[in-house]
Amino acid sequence: MHVMIDLCVVPLGVGVSVSSYIAECKKILDDAGLETHLHAYGTNVAGEWDDVFEAVRRCHERVHALGAPRITSTIRVGTRTDRAQTMTEKIDSVERKLQ
């Protein structure tokens, strides 16, 4: 099943800046061949269900390995069965309505 998620990984106990940890997660998502769109407070990720959630697990493992004693993640999940839709198509649909 194809899934789109909005993923926000927050390492705790590592100080104020977490960008280096997020960069590591982004590499994992990219290496998994998933479609991603980084934004200010998270990353949109699209792909097959098992591939997406396996990559999320690897993100947690990597961030812990880098020294974060605790991680909190927020994940919003969307699926649809009526048709295939990309992240770009979703955004384009809204932008057309704004014109």
C-alpha atoms as a PDB file:
ATOM      1  CA  MET A   1       0.000   0.000   0.000  1.00  0.00           C
ATOM      2  CA  HIS A   2       1.281   3.468  -0.914  1.00  0.00           C
ATOM      3  CA  VAL A   3       1.490   5.889   1.997  1.00  0.00           C
ATOM      4  CA  MET A   4       2.355   9.541   2.583  1.00  0.00           C
ATOM      5  CA  ILE A   5       3.512  10.608   6.007  1.00  0.00           C
ATOM      6  CA  ASP A   6       4.501  13.827   7.675  1.00  0.00           C
ATOM      7  CA  LEU A   7       7.410  12.922   9.950  1.00  0.00           C
ATOM      8  CA  CYS A   8       8.860  15.085  12.706  1.00  0.00           C
ATOM      9  CA  VAL A   9      11.751  13.485  14.620  1.00  0.00           C
ATOM     10  CA  VAL A  10      12.892  15.353  17.723  1.00  0.00           C
ATOM     11  CA  PRO A  11      16.037  14.106  19.496  1.00  0.00           C
ATOM     12  CA  LEU A  12      15.982  14.957  23.198  1.00  0.00           C
ATOM     13  CA  GLY A  13      18.951  15.461  25.477  1.00  0.00           C
ATOM     14  CA  VAL A  14      21.288  16.656  22.720  1.00  0.00           C
ATOM     15  CA  GLY A  15      21.105  20.432  23.061  1.00  0.00           C
ATOM     16  CA  VAL A  16      19.201  23.096  21.179  1.00  0.00           C
ATOM     17  CA  SER A  17      20.320  22.437  17.593  1.00  0.00           C
ATOM     18  CA  VAL A  18      19.151  19.149  16.092  1.00  0.00           C
ATOM     19  CA  SER A  19      19.853  19.786  12.397  1.00  0.00           C
ATOM     20  CA  SER A  20      22.733  17.296  12.225  1.00  0.00           C
ATOM     21  CA  TYR A  21      20.420  14.539  13.477  1.00  0.00           C
ATOM     22  CA  ILE A  22      17.715  15.507  10.996  1.00  0.00           C
ATOM     23  CA  ALA A  23      20.285  15.496   8.182  1.00  0.00           C
ATOM     24  CA  GLU A  24      21.127  11.888   9.088  1.00  0.00           C
ATOM     25  CA  CYS A  25      17.450  10.926   8.933  1.00  0.00           C
ATOM     26  CA  LYS A  26      17.086  12.662   5.554  1.00  0.00           C
ATOM     27  CA  LYS A  27      20.017  10.611   4.232  1.00  0.00           C
ATOM     28  CA  ILE A  28      18.329   7.408   5.409  1.00  0.00           C
ATOM     29  CA  LEU A  29      15.050   8.360   3.719  1.00  0.00           C
ATOM     30  CA  ASP A  30      16.858   9.247   0.485  1.00  0.00           C
ATOM     31  CA  ASP A  31      18.961   6.074   0.555  1.00  0.00           C
ATOM     32  CA  ALA A  32      15.723   4.088   0.886  1.00  0.00           C
ATOM     33  CA  GLY A  33      14.596   5.585  -2.431  1.00  0.00           C
ATOM     34  CA  LEU A  34      11.610   7.335  -0.898  1.00  0.00           C
ATOM     35  CA  GLU A  35      10.095  10.559  -2.189  1.00  0.00           C
ATOM     36  CA  THR A  36      10.765  13.289   0.377  1.00  0.00           C
ATOM     37  CA  HIS A  37      10.090  16.959   0.887  1.00  0.00           C
ATOM     38  CA  LEU A  38      11.904  18.617   3.772  1.00  0.00           C
ATOM     39  CA  HIS A  39      10.056  21.517   5.404  1.00  0.00           C
ATOM     40  CA  ALA A  40      10.692  23.750   8.414  1.00  0.00           C
ATOM     41  CA  TYR A  41       9.179  21.401  10.998  1.00  0.00           C
ATOM     42  CA  GLY A  42       9.493  17.967   9.465  1.00  0.00           C
ATOM     43  CA  THR A  43       9.648  15.915   6.302  1.00  0.00           C
ATOM     44  CA  ASN A  44       6.928  14.613   4.023  1.00  0.00           C
ATOM     45  CA  VAL A  45       7.717  11.066   2.920  1.00  0.00           C
ATOM     46  CA  ALA A  46       5.984   8.918   0.305  1.00  0.00           C
ATOM     47  CA  GLY A  47       6.455   5.313  -0.693  1.00  0.00           C
ATOM     48  CA  GLU A  48       5.323   1.807   0.027  1.00  0.00           C
ATOM     49  CA  TRP A  49       4.125   1.308   3.613  1.00  0.00           C
ATOM     50  CA  ASP A  50       6.793  -1.183   4.707  1.00  0.00           C
ATOM     51  CA  ASP A  51       9.615   0.817   3.097  1.00  0.00           C
ATOM     52  CA  VAL A  52       8.502   4.070   4.736  1.00  0.00           C
ATOM     53  CA  PHE A  53       8.143   2.658   8.228  1.00  0.00           C
ATOM     54  CA  GLU A  54      11.359   0.638   7.958  1.00  0.00           C
ATOM     55  CA  ALA A  55      13.156   3.904   7.143  1.00  0.00           C
ATOM     56  CA  VAL A  56      11.511   5.620  10.138  1.00  0.00           C
ATOM     57  CA  ARG A  57      12.805   2.787  12.341  1.00  0.00           C
ATOM     58  CA  ARG A  58      16.299   3.233  10.890  1.00  0.00           C
ATOM     59  CA  CYS A  59      16.101   6.977  11.599  1.00  0.00           C
ATOM     60  CA  HIS A  60      15.417   6.252  15.260  1.00  0.00           C
ATOM     61  CA  GLU A  61      18.225   3.719  15.406  1.00  0.00           C
ATOM     62  CA  ARG A  62      20.683   6.151  13.801  1.00  0.00           C
ATOM     63  CA  VAL A  63      19.752   9.110  16.013  1.00  0.00           C
ATOM     64  CA  HIS A  64      20.136   6.935  19.117  1.00  0.00           C
ATOM     65  CA  ALA A  65      23.500   5.705  17.807  1.00  0.00           C
ATOM     66  CA  LEU A  66      24.582   9.343  17.454  1.00  0.00           C
ATOM     67  CA  GLY A  67      24.005   9.868  21.148  1.00  0.00           C
ATOM     68  CA  ALA A  68      20.406  10.965  21.596  1.00  0.00           C
ATOM     69  CA  PRO A  69      19.164   9.201  24.720  1.00  0.00           C
ATOM     70  CA  ARG A  70      15.550   9.912  23.861  1.00  0.00           C
ATOM     71  CA  ILE A  71      13.529  10.663  20.714  1.00  0.00           C
ATOM     72  CA  THR A  72       9.978  11.799  20.263  1.00  0.00           C
ATOM     73  CA  SER A  73       8.460  11.555  16.806  1.00  0.00           C
ATOM     74  CA  THR A  74       5.167  12.744  15.428  1.00  0.00           C
ATOM     75  CA  ILE A  75       3.815  10.973  12.376  1.00  0.00           C
ATOM     76  CA  ARG A  76       0.689  11.795  10.394  1.00  0.00           C
ATOM     77  CA  VAL A  77      -0.246   9.046   7.944  1.00  0.00           C
ATOM     78  CA  GLY A  78      -2.371   9.209   4.821  1.00  0.00           C
ATOM     79  CA  THR A  79      -3.400   6.519   2.375  1.00  0.00           C
ATOM     80  CA  ARG A  80      -5.928   6.401  -0.410  1.00  0.00           C
ATOM     81  CA  THR A  81      -7.283   3.575  -2.514  1.00  0.00           C
ATOM     82  CA  ASP A  82      -9.294   5.427  -5.160  1.00  0.00           C
ATOM     83  CA  ARG A  83      -6.246   6.565  -7.154  1.00  0.00           C
ATOM     84  CA  ALA A  84      -2.503   7.129  -7.036  1.00  0.00           C
ATOM     85  CA  GLN A  85      -1.462  10.634  -6.021  1.00  0.00           C
ATOM     86  CA  THR A  86       1.943  12.226  -5.539  1.00  0.00           C
ATOM     87  CA  MET A  87       2.940  14.932  -3.083  1.00  0.00           C
ATOM     88  CA  THR A  88       3.400  17.330  -5.987  1.00  0.00           C
ATOM     89  CA  GLU A  89      -0.119  16.640  -7.269  1.00  0.00           C
ATOM     90  CA  LYS A  90      -1.575  17.406  -3.834  1.00  0.00           C
ATOM     91  CA  ILE A  91       0.264  20.722  -3.647  1.00  0.00           C
ATOM     92  CA  ASP A  92      -0.527  21.644  -7.259  1.00  0.00           C
ATOM     93  CA  SER A  93      -4.236  21.054  -6.634  1.00  0.00           C
ATOM     94  CA  VAL A  94      -4.295  23.595  -3.823  1.00  0.00           C
ATOM     95  CA  GLU A  95      -2.132  26.101  -5.701  1.00  0.00           C
ATOM     96  CA  ARG A  96      -4.470  25.979  -8.730  1.00  0.00           C
ATOM     97  CA  LYS A  97      -7.366  26.861  -6.460  1.00  0.00           C
ATOM     98  CA  LEU A  98      -5.436  29.850  -5.110  1.00  0.00           C
ATOM     99  CA  GLN A  99      -5.046  31.408  -8.573  1.00  0.00           C
END
